[in-house]
PDB file of all heavy atoms in Angstrom:
ATOM      1  N   ARG A   1     176.684 161.008  55.326  1.00  0.00           N
ATOM      2  CA  ARG A   1     176.342 161.809  56.470  1.00  0.00           C
ATOM      3  C   ARG A   1     176.499 161.071  57.791  1.00  0.00           C
ATOM      4  O   ARG A   1     176.932 161.586  58.776  1.00  0.00           O
ATOM      5  CB  ARG A   1     174.916 162.263  56.301  1.00  0.00           C
ATOM      6  CG  ARG A   1     174.467 163.254  57.283  1.00  0.00           C
ATOM      7  CD  ARG A   1     172.970 163.573  57.150  1.00  0.00           C
ATOM      8  NE  ARG A   1     172.697 164.095  55.840  1.00  0.00           N
ATOM      9  CZ  ARG A   1     171.843 163.516  54.968  1.00  0.00           C
ATOM     10  NH1 ARG A   1     171.161 162.463  55.347  1.00  0.00           N
ATOM     11  NH2 ARG A   1     171.673 164.007  53.760  1.00  0.00           N
ATOM     12  N   SER A   2     176.286 159.767  57.794  1.00  0.00           N
ATOM     13  CA  SER A   2     176.402 158.902  58.900  1.00  0.00           C
ATOM     14  C   SER A   2     177.851 158.835  59.394  1.00  0.00           C
ATOM     15  O   SER A   2     178.202 158.808  60.547  1.00  0.00           O
ATOM     16  CB  SER A   2     175.841 157.536  58.702  1.00  0.00           C
ATOM     17  OG  SER A   2     174.397 157.571  58.392  1.00  0.00           O
ATOM     18  N   ARG A   3     178.755 158.727  58.375  1.00  0.00           N
ATOM     19  CA  ARG A   3     180.144 158.664  58.654  1.00  0.00           C
ATOM     20  C   ARG A   3     180.644 159.939  59.288  1.00  0.00           C
ATOM     21  O   ARG A   3     181.587 159.934  60.130  1.00  0.00           O
ATOM     22  CB  ARG A   3     180.967 158.403  57.326  1.00  0.00           C
ATOM     23  CG  ARG A   3     180.819 157.005  56.811  1.00  0.00           C
ATOM     24  CD  ARG A   3     181.554 156.887  55.494  1.00  0.00           C
ATOM     25  NE  ARG A   3     181.467 155.502  54.924  1.00  0.00           N
ATOM     26  CZ  ARG A   3     181.944 155.231  53.685  1.00  0.00           C
ATOM     27  NH1 ARG A   3     182.442 156.127  52.939  1.00  0.00           N
ATOM     28  NH2 ARG A   3     181.740 153.975  53.290  1.00  0.00           N
ATOM     29  N   GLN A   4     180.121 161.059  58.796  1.00  0.00           N
ATOM     30  CA  GLN A   4     180.642 162.394  59.290  1.00  0.00           C
ATOM     31  C   GLN A   4     179.989 162.862  60.570  1.00  0.00           C
ATOM     32  O   GLN A   4     180.375 163.796  61.216  1.00  0.00           O
ATOM     33  CB  GLN A   4     180.424 163.413  58.207  1.00  0.00           C
ATOM     34  CG  GLN A   4     181.175 163.232  56.990  1.00  0.00           C
ATOM     35  CD  GLN A   4     180.863 164.235  55.885  1.00  0.00           C
ATOM     36  OE1 GLN A   4     179.920 165.017  56.050  1.00  0.00           O
ATOM     37  NE2 GLN A   4     181.566 164.257  54.818  1.00  0.00           N
ATOM     38  N   SER A   5     178.907 162.130  61.028  1.00  0.00           N
ATOM     39  CA  SER A   5     178.247 162.585  62.281  1.00  0.00           C
ATOM     40  C   SER A   5     179.118 162.306  63.448  1.00  0.00           C
ATOM     41  O   SER A   5     179.946 161.378  63.419  1.00  0.00           O
ATOM     42  CB  SER A   5     176.941 161.720  62.438  1.00  0.00           C
ATOM     43  OG  SER A   5     177.211 160.390  62.604  1.00  0.00           O
ATOM     44  N   PRO A   6     179.100 163.217  64.511  1.00  0.00           N
ATOM     45  CA  PRO A   6     179.935 162.982  65.640  1.00  0.00           C
ATOM     46  C   PRO A   6     179.740 161.703  66.392  1.00  0.00           C
ATOM     47  O   PRO A   6     178.607 161.371  66.508  1.00  0.00           O
ATOM     48  CB  PRO A   6     179.671 164.244  66.544  1.00  0.00           C
ATOM     49  CG  PRO A   6     178.368 164.636  66.063  1.00  0.00           C
ATOM     50  CD  PRO A   6     178.136 164.270  64.628  1.00  0.00           C
ATOM     51  N   ARG A   7     180.813 161.026  66.716  1.00  0.00           N
ATOM     52  CA  ARG A   7     180.592 159.751  67.470  1.00  0.00           C
ATOM     53  C   ARG A   7     180.233 160.240  68.806  1.00  0.00           C
ATOM     54  O   ARG A   7     180.685 160.762  69.515  1.00  0.00           O
ATOM     55  CB  ARG A   7     181.779 158.910  67.548  1.00  0.00           C
ATOM     56  CG  ARG A   7     183.076 159.467  67.333  1.00  0.00           C
ATOM     57  CD  ARG A   7     184.144 158.411  67.332  1.00  0.00           C
ATOM     58  NE  ARG A   7     185.364 158.981  67.013  1.00  0.00           N
ATOM     59  CZ  ARG A   7     186.447 158.760  67.561  1.00  0.00           C
ATOM     60  NH1 ARG A   7     186.562 157.922  68.499  1.00  0.00           N
ATOM     61  NH2 ARG A   7     187.537 159.380  67.231  1.00  0.00           N
ATOM     62  N   GLY A   8     179.666 160.054  69.317  1.00  0.00           N
ATOM     63  CA  GLY A   8     179.371 160.538  70.628  1.00  0.00           C
ATOM     64  C   GLY A   8     178.024 160.541  71.079  1.00  0.00           C
ATOM     65  O   GLY A   8     177.574 161.517  71.526  1.00  0.00           O
ATOM     66  N   SER A   9     177.430 159.406  71.088  1.00  0.00           N
ATOM     67  CA  SER A   9     176.218 159.368  71.837  1.00  0.00           C
ATOM     68  C   SER A   9     176.546 159.590  73.219  1.00  0.00           C
ATOM     69  O   SER A   9     175.822 160.174  74.007  1.00  0.00           O
ATOM     70  CB  SER A   9     175.520 157.957  71.631  1.00  0.00           C
ATOM     71  OG  SER A   9     176.355 156.962  72.152  1.00  0.00           O
ATOM     72  N   THR A  10     177.836 159.293  73.676  1.00  0.00           N
ATOM     73  CA  THR A  10     178.197 159.480  75.055  1.00  0.00           C
ATOM     74  C   THR A  10     178.293 161.007  75.268  1.00  0.00           C
ATOM     75  O   THR A  10     178.036 161.473  76.378  1.00  0.00           O
ATOM     76  CB  THR A  10     179.618 158.814  75.299  1.00  0.00           C
ATOM     77  OG1 THR A  10     180.511 159.322  74.270  1.00  0.00           O
ATOM     78  CG2 THR A  10     179.525 157.350  75.243  1.00  0.00           C
ATOM     79  N   GLN A  11     178.785 161.808  74.207  1.00  0.00           N
ATOM     80  CA  GLN A  11     178.880 163.202  74.414  1.00  0.00           C
ATOM     81  C   GLN A  11     177.500 163.791  74.696  1.00  0.00           C
ATOM     82  O   GLN A  11     177.393 164.662  75.526  1.00  0.00           O
ATOM     83  CB  GLN A  11     179.558 163.854  73.142  1.00  0.00           C
ATOM     84  CG  GLN A  11     181.015 163.579  73.051  1.00  0.00           C
ATOM     85  CD  GLN A  11     181.530 164.247  71.845  1.00  0.00           C
ATOM     86  OE1 GLN A  11     180.812 164.492  70.848  1.00  0.00           O
ATOM     87  NE2 GLN A  11     182.802 164.542  71.801  1.00  0.00           N
ATOM     88  N   ARG A  12     176.517 163.302  73.905  1.00  0.00           N
ATOM     89  CA  ARG A  12     175.242 163.841  74.080  1.00  0.00           C
ATOM     90  C   ARG A  12     174.657 163.512  75.468  1.00  0.00           C
ATOM     91  O   ARG A  12     174.016 164.260  76.099  1.00  0.00           O
ATOM     92  CB  ARG A  12     174.298 163.384  72.966  1.00  0.00           C
ATOM     93  CG  ARG A  12     174.595 163.981  71.625  1.00  0.00           C
ATOM     94  CD  ARG A  12     173.469 163.744  70.704  1.00  0.00           C
ATOM     95  NE  ARG A  12     173.382 162.297  70.372  1.00  0.00           N
ATOM     96  CZ  ARG A  12     173.980 161.690  69.414  1.00  0.00           C
ATOM     97  NH1 ARG A  12     174.856 162.341  68.630  1.00  0.00           N
ATOM     98  NH2 ARG A  12     173.833 160.366  69.179  1.00  0.00           N
ATOM     99  N   ASN A  13     175.014 162.286  75.905  1.00  0.00           N
ATOM    100  CA  ASN A  13     174.435 161.862  77.216  1.00  0.00           C
ATOM    101  C   ASN A  13     175.107 162.600  78.352  1.00  0.00           C
ATOM    102  O   ASN A  13     174.443 162.871  79.359  1.00  0.00           O
ATOM    103  CB  ASN A  13     174.757 160.353  77.434  1.00  0.00           C
ATOM    104  CG  ASN A  13     173.911 159.520  76.490  1.00  0.00           C
ATOM    105  OD1 ASN A  13     172.878 159.876  76.021  1.00  0.00           O
ATOM    106  ND2 ASN A  13     174.367 158.275  76.179  1.00  0.00           N
ATOM    107  N   SER A  14     176.347 163.022  78.187  1.00  0.00           N
ATOM    108  CA  SER A  14     177.015 163.768  79.221  1.00  0.00           C
ATOM    109  C   SER A  14     176.398 165.118  79.430  1.00  0.00           C
ATOM    110  O   SER A  14     176.532 165.752  80.487  1.00  0.00           O
ATOM    111  CB  SER A  14     178.479 163.948  78.900  1.00  0.00           C
ATOM    112  OG  SER A  14     178.648 164.717  77.748  1.00  0.00           O
ATOM    113  N   HIS A  15     175.770 165.678  78.482  1.00  0.00           N
ATOM    114  CA  HIS A  15     175.102 166.955  78.571  1.00  0.00           C
ATOM    115  C   HIS A  15     173.588 166.884  78.602  1.00  0.00           C
ATOM    116  O   HIS A  15     172.872 167.853  78.427  1.00  0.00           O
ATOM    117  CB  HIS A  15     175.534 167.876  77.396  1.00  0.00           C
ATOM    118  CG  HIS A  15     176.988 168.067  77.365  1.00  0.00           C
ATOM    119  ND1 HIS A  15     177.680 168.938  78.166  1.00  0.00           N
ATOM    120  CD2 HIS A  15     177.913 167.559  76.409  1.00  0.00           C
ATOM    121  CE1 HIS A  15     178.966 168.984  77.828  1.00  0.00           C
ATOM    122  NE2 HIS A  15     179.140 168.110  76.835  1.00  0.00           N
ATOM    123  N   SER A  16     173.149 165.707  78.946  1.00  0.00           N
ATOM    124  CA  SER A  16     171.698 165.442  78.817  1.00  0.00           C
ATOM    125  C   SER A  16     170.887 166.246  79.893  1.00  0.00           C
ATOM    126  O   SER A  16     169.753 166.550  79.629  1.00  0.00           O
ATOM    127  CB  SER A  16     171.399 163.968  78.894  1.00  0.00           C
ATOM    128  OG  SER A  16     171.854 163.494  80.182  1.00  0.00           O
ATOM    129  N   LEU A  17     171.623 166.681  80.974  1.00  0.00           N
ATOM    130  CA  LEU A  17     170.868 167.402  81.959  1.00  0.00           C
ATOM    131  C   LEU A  17     170.738 168.910  81.641  1.00  0.00           C
ATOM    132  O   LEU A  17     169.991 169.654  82.379  1.00  0.00           O
ATOM    133  CB  LEU A  17     171.546 167.185  83.376  1.00  0.00           C
ATOM    134  CG  LEU A  17     171.593 165.786  83.864  1.00  0.00           C
ATOM    135  CD1 LEU A  17     172.324 165.721  85.217  1.00  0.00           C
ATOM    136  CD2 LEU A  17     170.170 165.266  84.036  1.00  0.00           C
ATOM    137  N   LYS A  18     171.515 169.377  80.629  1.00  0.00           N
ATOM    138  CA  LYS A  18     171.503 170.747  80.293  1.00  0.00           C
ATOM    139  C   LYS A  18     170.278 170.987  79.485  1.00  0.00           C
ATOM    140  O   LYS A  18     169.929 170.200  78.599  1.00  0.00           O
ATOM    141  CB  LYS A  18     172.694 171.124  79.519  1.00  0.00           C
ATOM    142  CG  LYS A  18     173.943 171.127  80.422  1.00  0.00           C
ATOM    143  CD  LYS A  18     175.199 171.556  79.636  1.00  0.00           C
ATOM    144  CE  LYS A  18     176.476 171.505  80.493  1.00  0.00           C
ATOM    145  NZ  LYS A  18     177.655 171.989  79.672  1.00  0.00           N
ATOM    146  N   PRO A  19     169.597 172.177  79.638  1.00  0.00           N
ATOM    147  CA  PRO A  19     168.446 172.478  78.812  1.00  0.00           C
ATOM    148  C   PRO A  19     168.862 172.806  77.423  1.00  0.00           C
ATOM    149  O   PRO A  19     169.938 173.327  77.207  1.00  0.00           O
ATOM    150  CB  PRO A  19     167.831 173.751  79.484  1.00  0.00           C
ATOM    151  CG  PRO A  19     169.029 174.335  80.158  1.00  0.00           C
ATOM    152  CD  PRO A  19     169.860 173.245  80.635  1.00  0.00           C
ATOM    153  N   PRO A  20     168.050 172.429  76.414  1.00  0.00           N
ATOM    154  CA  PRO A  20     168.407 172.689  74.981  1.00  0.00           C
ATOM    155  C   PRO A  20     168.450 174.244  74.768  1.00  0.00           C
ATOM    156  O   PRO A  20     167.580 174.949  75.298  1.00  0.00           O
ATOM    157  CB  PRO A  20     167.357 172.018  74.186  1.00  0.00           C
ATOM    158  CG  PRO A  20     166.194 171.868  75.206  1.00  0.00           C
ATOM    159  CD  PRO A  20     166.759 171.739  76.569  1.00  0.00           C
ATOM    160  N   ARG A  21     169.394 174.621  73.937  1.00  0.00           N
ATOM    161  CA  ARG A  21     169.521 176.054  73.580  1.00  0.00           C
ATOM    162  C   ARG A  21     168.448 176.444  72.621  1.00  0.00           C
ATOM    163  O   ARG A  21     168.071 177.667  72.524  1.00  0.00           O
ATOM    164  CB  ARG A  21     170.914 176.359  73.065  1.00  0.00           C
ATOM    165  CG  ARG A  21     172.011 176.290  74.062  1.00  0.00           C
ATOM    166  CD  ARG A  21     173.354 176.561  73.422  1.00  0.00           C
ATOM    167  NE  ARG A  21     173.674 175.589  72.440  1.00  0.00           N
ATOM    168  CZ  ARG A  21     174.766 175.717  71.596  1.00  0.00           C
ATOM    169  NH1 ARG A  21     175.570 176.713  71.703  1.00  0.00           N
ATOM    170  NH2 ARG A  21     174.997 174.769  70.679  1.00  0.00           N
ATOM    171  N   SER A  22     167.927 175.501  71.872  1.00  0.00           N
ATOM    172  CA  SER A  22     166.948 175.926  70.850  1.00  0.00           C
ATOM    173  C   SER A  22     166.070 174.686  70.605  1.00  0.00           C
ATOM    174  O   SER A  22     166.399 173.561  70.862  1.00  0.00           O
ATOM    175  CB  SER A  22     167.648 176.342  69.551  1.00  0.00           C
ATOM    176  OG  SER A  22     166.749 176.367  68.562  1.00  0.00           O
ATOM    177  N   LEU A  23     164.890 174.980  70.158  1.00  0.00           N
ATOM    178  CA  LEU A  23     163.983 173.886  69.760  1.00  0.00           C
ATOM    179  C   LEU A  23     164.213 173.405  68.353  1.00  0.00           C
ATOM    180  O   LEU A  23     163.600 172.448  67.888  1.00  0.00           O
ATOM    181  CB  LEU A  23     162.522 174.380  69.862  1.00  0.00           C
ATOM    182  CG  LEU A  23     162.029 174.736  71.261  1.00  0.00           C
ATOM    183  CD1 LEU A  23     160.564 175.243  71.200  1.00  0.00           C
ATOM    184  CD2 LEU A  23     162.135 173.518  72.202  1.00  0.00           C
ATOM    185  N   THR A  24     165.168 174.080  67.614  1.00  0.00           N
ATOM    186  CA  THR A  24     165.537 173.607  66.248  1.00  0.00           C
ATOM    187  C   THR A  24     166.274 172.296  66.269  1.00  0.00           C
ATOM    188  O   THR A  24     167.230 172.165  67.073  1.00  0.00           O
ATOM    189  CB  THR A  24     166.383 174.683  65.559  1.00  0.00           C
ATOM    190  OG1 THR A  24     165.699 176.003  65.672  1.00  0.00           O
ATOM    191  CG2 THR A  24     166.576 174.385  64.083  1.00  0.00           C
ATOM    192  N   PRO A  25     165.948 171.337  65.478  1.00  0.00           N
ATOM    193  CA  PRO A  25     166.720 170.024  65.403  1.00  0.00           C
ATOM    194  C   PRO A  25     168.126 170.298  65.064  1.00  0.00           C
ATOM    195  O   PRO A  25     168.431 171.136  64.267  1.00  0.00           O
ATOM    196  CB  PRO A  25     165.940 169.269  64.392  1.00  0.00           C
ATOM    197  CG  PRO A  25     164.605 169.913  64.167  1.00  0.00           C
ATOM    198  CD  PRO A  25     164.804 171.345  64.579  1.00  0.00           C
TER     199      PRO A  25
END
């Protein structure tokens, strides 16, 4: 699962200012 997870902590950081679409993990 770790290998298949998107690399991109940077991707998540780039959208960090956007509100989450859902409270679901």
